[in-house]
Amino acid sequence: MLYERRAHHRVPTKLAVRWEGLLTNNYALMTDVSPGGCYINSAGRVSIDEQIGVETILLSQAHLHLEGSVAHREWPLGFGLRFANLTDEKAALISQVVGEGF
């Protein structure tokens, strides 16, 4: 039996994002999201605990800027991001995406 470390269930999504880390930035695809984090499908190199900024435009045309730290990486496939400093407004937008399931 696998131990699930996530506090929130992630739902599949396909959001184009631009992310920026300490040494690099890249365009990529967010492939799942939850109120606690997301997975970024990107060949860009990141380090565990590296601070990352992510920007995307939702289907509602709302701009969303998220910040977090790299929880795990699977180079060259992508990395998991744990959200930090979420405002109520950003949390509501993420909940909207999770509720829509895309």
N, C-alpha and C. Protein backbone atom coordinates (compact mmCIF):
# COMPACT_ATOMS: atom_id res chain seq x y z
N MET A 1 0.83 -1.18 0.00
CA MET A 1 0.00 0.00 0.00
C MET A 1 0.88 1.25 0.00
N LEU A 2 0.61 2.15 -0.91
CA LEU A 2 1.39 3.38 -1.01
C LEU A 2 0.90 4.41 -0.01
N TYR A 3 1.83 5.11 0.58
CA TYR A 3 1.50 6.18 1.52
C TYR A 3 1.31 7.48 0.74
N GLU A 4 0.16 8.08 0.86
CA GLU A 4 -0.16 9.32 0.16
C GLU A 4 0.18 10.51 1.05
N ARG A 5 1.14 11.33 0.63
CA ARG A 5 1.58 12.46 1.43
C ARG A 5 0.77 13.73 1.17
N ARG A 6 0.02 13.76 0.11
CA ARG A 6 -0.74 14.97 -0.21
C ARG A 6 -1.93 15.14 0.72
N ALA A 7 -2.17 16.38 1.11
CA ALA A 7 -3.32 16.69 1.96
C ALA A 7 -4.58 16.90 1.12
N HIS A 8 -4.41 17.16 -0.19
CA HIS A 8 -5.53 17.47 -1.07
C HIS A 8 -5.48 16.57 -2.30
N HIS A 9 -6.65 16.19 -2.78
CA HIS A 9 -6.76 15.42 -4.01
C HIS A 9 -6.50 16.33 -5.20
N ARG A 10 -5.64 15.91 -6.11
CA ARG A 10 -5.37 16.69 -7.31
C ARG A 10 -6.28 16.24 -8.44
N VAL A 11 -6.67 17.20 -9.28
CA VAL A 11 -7.49 16.89 -10.44
C VAL A 11 -6.71 17.20 -11.71
N PRO A 12 -6.93 16.43 -12.77
CA PRO A 12 -6.23 16.69 -14.03
C PRO A 12 -6.62 18.05 -14.60
N THR A 13 -5.67 18.69 -15.23
CA THR A 13 -5.90 19.96 -15.91
C THR A 13 -4.92 20.09 -17.05
N LYS A 14 -5.14 21.02 -17.92
CA LYS A 14 -4.20 21.31 -19.01
C LYS A 14 -4.12 22.83 -19.15
N LEU A 15 -3.36 23.44 -18.26
CA LEU A 15 -3.21 24.89 -18.29
C LEU A 15 -1.81 25.25 -18.75
N ALA A 16 -1.72 26.09 -19.78
CA ALA A 16 -0.42 26.60 -20.20
C ALA A 16 0.07 27.57 -19.13
N VAL A 17 1.33 27.43 -18.73
CA VAL A 17 1.90 28.28 -17.69
C VAL A 17 3.27 28.78 -18.11
N ARG A 18 3.68 29.83 -17.46
CA ARG A 18 5.06 30.30 -17.53
C ARG A 18 5.57 30.25 -16.11
N TRP A 19 6.69 29.59 -15.90
CA TRP A 19 7.24 29.50 -14.55
C TRP A 19 8.63 30.09 -14.51
N GLU A 20 8.99 30.60 -13.34
CA GLU A 20 10.30 31.21 -13.16
C GLU A 20 10.91 30.73 -11.86
N GLY A 21 12.12 30.21 -11.96
CA GLY A 21 12.85 29.74 -10.79
C GLY A 21 14.08 30.59 -10.55
N LEU A 22 14.98 30.07 -9.77
CA LEU A 22 16.18 30.80 -9.40
C LEU A 22 17.09 31.07 -10.59
N LEU A 23 17.29 30.07 -11.44
CA LEU A 23 18.23 30.20 -12.55
C LEU A 23 17.61 30.13 -13.93
N THR A 24 16.33 29.80 -14.01
CA THR A 24 15.73 29.60 -15.32
C THR A 24 14.25 29.95 -15.30
N ASN A 25 13.70 30.12 -16.49
CA ASN A 25 12.25 30.24 -16.64
C ASN A 25 11.86 29.49 -17.89
N ASN A 26 10.60 29.14 -17.98
CA ASN A 26 10.19 28.25 -19.05
C ASN A 26 8.69 28.31 -19.23
N TYR A 27 8.24 27.99 -20.43
CA TYR A 27 6.82 27.77 -20.68
C TYR A 27 6.56 26.28 -20.54
N ALA A 28 5.43 25.92 -19.96
CA ALA A 28 5.16 24.52 -19.68
C ALA A 28 3.66 24.28 -19.58
N LEU A 29 3.31 23.10 -19.09
CA LEU A 29 1.91 22.71 -18.95
C LEU A 29 1.68 22.24 -17.51
N MET A 30 0.67 22.83 -16.86
CA MET A 30 0.24 22.35 -15.55
C MET A 30 -0.71 21.20 -15.81
N THR A 31 -0.36 20.00 -15.33
CA THR A 31 -1.16 18.83 -15.68
C THR A 31 -2.07 18.34 -14.56
N ASP A 32 -1.87 18.81 -13.33
CA ASP A 32 -2.85 18.58 -12.28
C ASP A 32 -2.71 19.65 -11.22
N VAL A 33 -3.79 19.84 -10.46
CA VAL A 33 -3.81 20.93 -9.47
C VAL A 33 -4.72 20.55 -8.31
N SER A 34 -4.40 21.09 -7.15
CA SER A 34 -5.23 20.95 -5.95
C SER A 34 -5.08 22.25 -5.16
N PRO A 35 -5.84 22.42 -4.11
CA PRO A 35 -5.67 23.62 -3.29
C PRO A 35 -4.28 23.71 -2.64
N GLY A 36 -3.54 22.60 -2.61
CA GLY A 36 -2.23 22.61 -1.97
C GLY A 36 -1.05 22.66 -2.90
N GLY A 37 -1.26 22.35 -4.19
CA GLY A 37 -0.13 22.34 -5.12
C GLY A 37 -0.53 21.92 -6.51
N CYS A 38 0.49 21.72 -7.35
CA CYS A 38 0.24 21.33 -8.74
C CYS A 38 1.45 20.58 -9.28
N TYR A 39 1.29 20.02 -10.47
CA TYR A 39 2.40 19.38 -11.18
C TYR A 39 2.64 20.15 -12.46
N ILE A 40 3.90 20.54 -12.67
CA ILE A 40 4.30 21.27 -13.88
C ILE A 40 5.08 20.32 -14.77
N ASN A 41 4.57 20.07 -15.95
CA ASN A 41 5.21 19.20 -16.92
C ASN A 41 6.22 20.04 -17.69
N SER A 42 7.51 19.93 -17.32
CA SER A 42 8.53 20.79 -17.89
C SER A 42 9.89 20.10 -17.83
N ALA A 43 10.69 20.29 -18.85
CA ALA A 43 12.05 19.74 -18.86
C ALA A 43 13.03 20.68 -18.16
N GLY A 44 12.55 21.82 -17.69
CA GLY A 44 13.44 22.76 -16.99
C GLY A 44 13.98 22.16 -15.71
N ARG A 45 15.21 22.51 -15.39
CA ARG A 45 15.86 21.97 -14.18
C ARG A 45 15.50 22.82 -12.97
N VAL A 46 15.12 22.13 -11.90
CA VAL A 46 14.79 22.78 -10.63
C VAL A 46 15.43 21.98 -9.50
N SER A 47 15.52 22.60 -8.34
CA SER A 47 16.06 21.94 -7.15
C SER A 47 14.94 21.78 -6.13
N ILE A 48 15.04 20.76 -5.30
CA ILE A 48 14.08 20.56 -4.21
C ILE A 48 14.10 21.80 -3.32
N ASP A 49 12.93 22.26 -2.93
CA ASP A 49 12.72 23.46 -2.10
C ASP A 49 13.00 24.78 -2.82
N GLU A 50 13.34 24.74 -4.11
CA GLU A 50 13.54 25.98 -4.87
C GLU A 50 12.21 26.75 -4.94
N GLN A 51 12.30 28.05 -4.79
CA GLN A 51 11.11 28.90 -4.87
C GLN A 51 10.79 29.16 -6.35
N ILE A 52 9.53 28.92 -6.72
CA ILE A 52 9.08 29.03 -8.11
C ILE A 52 7.86 29.94 -8.17
N GLY A 53 7.83 30.80 -9.18
CA GLY A 53 6.65 31.58 -9.49
C GLY A 53 6.01 31.04 -10.76
N VAL A 54 4.68 30.94 -10.78
CA VAL A 54 3.95 30.39 -11.91
C VAL A 54 2.85 31.37 -12.31
N GLU A 55 2.73 31.63 -13.61
CA GLU A 55 1.67 32.50 -14.10
C GLU A 55 0.87 31.76 -15.17
N THR A 56 -0.46 31.95 -15.13
CA THR A 56 -1.34 31.34 -16.11
C THR A 56 -2.58 32.22 -16.28
N ILE A 57 -3.31 31.95 -17.33
CA ILE A 57 -4.61 32.60 -17.56
C ILE A 57 -5.65 31.50 -17.57
N LEU A 58 -6.65 31.64 -16.70
CA LEU A 58 -7.69 30.63 -16.58
C LEU A 58 -8.72 30.77 -17.69
N LEU A 59 -9.59 29.78 -17.84
CA LEU A 59 -10.64 29.84 -18.86
C LEU A 59 -11.56 31.04 -18.66
N SER A 60 -11.69 31.48 -17.41
CA SER A 60 -12.51 32.65 -17.11
C SER A 60 -11.79 33.95 -17.49
N GLN A 61 -10.59 33.85 -18.04
CA GLN A 61 -9.73 34.96 -18.42
C GLN A 61 -9.06 35.64 -17.22
N ALA A 62 -9.22 35.07 -16.03
CA ALA A 62 -8.55 35.61 -14.85
C ALA A 62 -7.06 35.24 -14.90
N HIS A 63 -6.23 36.21 -14.58
CA HIS A 63 -4.79 35.97 -14.50
C HIS A 63 -4.48 35.44 -13.10
N LEU A 64 -3.65 34.42 -13.03
CA LEU A 64 -3.33 33.81 -11.76
C LEU A 64 -1.82 33.69 -11.61
N HIS A 65 -1.28 34.31 -10.56
CA HIS A 65 0.14 34.20 -10.24
C HIS A 65 0.25 33.42 -8.94
N LEU A 66 0.98 32.31 -8.99
CA LEU A 66 1.14 31.45 -7.82
C LEU A 66 2.62 31.37 -7.45
N GLU A 67 2.86 31.16 -6.18
CA GLU A 67 4.22 30.96 -5.70
C GLU A 67 4.25 29.69 -4.87
N GLY A 68 5.40 29.05 -4.88
CA GLY A 68 5.54 27.85 -4.08
C GLY A 68 6.96 27.33 -4.11
N SER A 69 7.12 26.15 -3.53
CA SER A 69 8.44 25.52 -3.50
C SER A 69 8.35 24.14 -4.14
N VAL A 70 9.44 23.72 -4.75
CA VAL A 70 9.49 22.43 -5.41
C VAL A 70 9.45 21.33 -4.35
N ALA A 71 8.42 20.50 -4.40
CA ALA A 71 8.25 19.40 -3.44
C ALA A 71 8.97 18.14 -3.92
N HIS A 72 8.95 17.91 -5.23
CA HIS A 72 9.65 16.77 -5.83
C HIS A 72 9.90 17.07 -7.29
N ARG A 73 10.87 16.40 -7.86
CA ARG A 73 11.20 16.60 -9.28
C ARG A 73 11.41 15.25 -9.94
N GLU A 74 11.08 15.22 -11.21
CA GLU A 74 11.25 14.02 -12.02
C GLU A 74 11.87 14.44 -13.35
N TRP A 75 13.09 14.96 -13.28
CA TRP A 75 13.73 15.46 -14.49
C TRP A 75 13.94 14.32 -15.46
N PRO A 76 13.62 14.46 -16.73
CA PRO A 76 13.22 15.67 -17.44
C PRO A 76 11.71 15.81 -17.62
N LEU A 77 10.92 15.11 -16.80
CA LEU A 77 9.46 15.13 -16.98
C LEU A 77 8.77 16.34 -16.36
N GLY A 78 9.19 16.75 -15.18
CA GLY A 78 8.53 17.87 -14.52
C GLY A 78 8.77 17.89 -13.03
N PHE A 79 7.93 18.66 -12.32
CA PHE A 79 8.10 18.79 -10.88
C PHE A 79 6.78 19.12 -10.20
N GLY A 80 6.70 18.73 -8.94
CA GLY A 80 5.56 19.05 -8.10
C GLY A 80 5.84 20.32 -7.33
N LEU A 81 4.86 21.20 -7.29
CA LEU A 81 5.00 22.49 -6.62
C LEU A 81 4.02 22.55 -5.45
N ARG A 82 4.51 22.89 -4.28
CA ARG A 82 3.68 23.09 -3.09
C ARG A 82 3.42 24.58 -2.96
N PHE A 83 2.15 25.00 -3.02
CA PHE A 83 1.82 26.41 -2.99
C PHE A 83 2.18 27.04 -1.64
N ALA A 84 2.53 28.34 -1.70
CA ALA A 84 2.83 29.13 -0.50
C ALA A 84 2.22 30.51 -0.68
N ASN A 85 1.96 31.17 0.40
CA ASN A 85 1.47 32.56 0.39
C ASN A 85 0.19 32.74 -0.42
N LEU A 86 -0.74 31.79 -0.31
CA LEU A 86 -2.00 31.90 -1.05
C LEU A 86 -2.92 32.92 -0.38
N THR A 87 -3.36 33.89 -1.15
CA THR A 87 -4.38 34.81 -0.66
C THR A 87 -5.73 34.12 -0.80
N ASP A 88 -6.75 34.68 -0.16
CA ASP A 88 -8.10 34.12 -0.29
C ASP A 88 -8.55 34.14 -1.74
N GLU A 89 -8.20 35.21 -2.46
CA GLU A 89 -8.59 35.34 -3.86
C GLU A 89 -7.94 34.24 -4.72
N LYS A 90 -6.65 33.99 -4.51
CA LYS A 90 -5.97 32.95 -5.28
C LYS A 90 -6.50 31.57 -4.92
N ALA A 91 -6.76 31.34 -3.64
CA ALA A 91 -7.33 30.06 -3.21
C ALA A 91 -8.68 29.82 -3.86
N ALA A 92 -9.49 30.88 -3.99
CA ALA A 92 -10.80 30.75 -4.62
C ALA A 92 -10.65 30.42 -6.11
N LEU A 93 -9.68 31.03 -6.78
CA LEU A 93 -9.46 30.73 -8.20
C LEU A 93 -8.99 29.29 -8.38
N ILE A 94 -8.12 28.83 -7.49
CA ILE A 94 -7.67 27.43 -7.57
C ILE A 94 -8.83 26.49 -7.33
N SER A 95 -9.67 26.80 -6.36
CA SER A 95 -10.85 25.97 -6.09
C SER A 95 -11.77 25.93 -7.30
N GLN A 96 -11.86 27.04 -8.02
CA GLN A 96 -12.67 27.08 -9.24
C GLN A 96 -12.11 26.11 -10.28
N VAL A 97 -10.79 26.12 -10.46
CA VAL A 97 -10.16 25.21 -11.41
C VAL A 97 -10.37 23.76 -10.98
N VAL A 98 -10.17 23.47 -9.68
CA VAL A 98 -10.36 22.12 -9.16
C VAL A 98 -11.81 21.67 -9.36
N GLY A 99 -12.75 22.56 -9.11
CA GLY A 99 -14.17 22.23 -9.28
C GLY A 99 -14.55 21.98 -10.72
N GLU A 100 -13.89 22.69 -11.64
CA GLU A 100 -14.18 22.50 -13.07
C GLU A 100 -13.53 21.23 -13.59
N GLY A 101 -12.47 20.79 -12.93
CA GLY A 101 -11.79 19.57 -13.36
C GLY A 101 -10.98 19.74 -14.62
N PHE A 102 -10.63 20.98 -14.94
CA PHE A 102 -9.75 21.22 -16.09
C PHE A 102 -9.05 22.46 -15.89
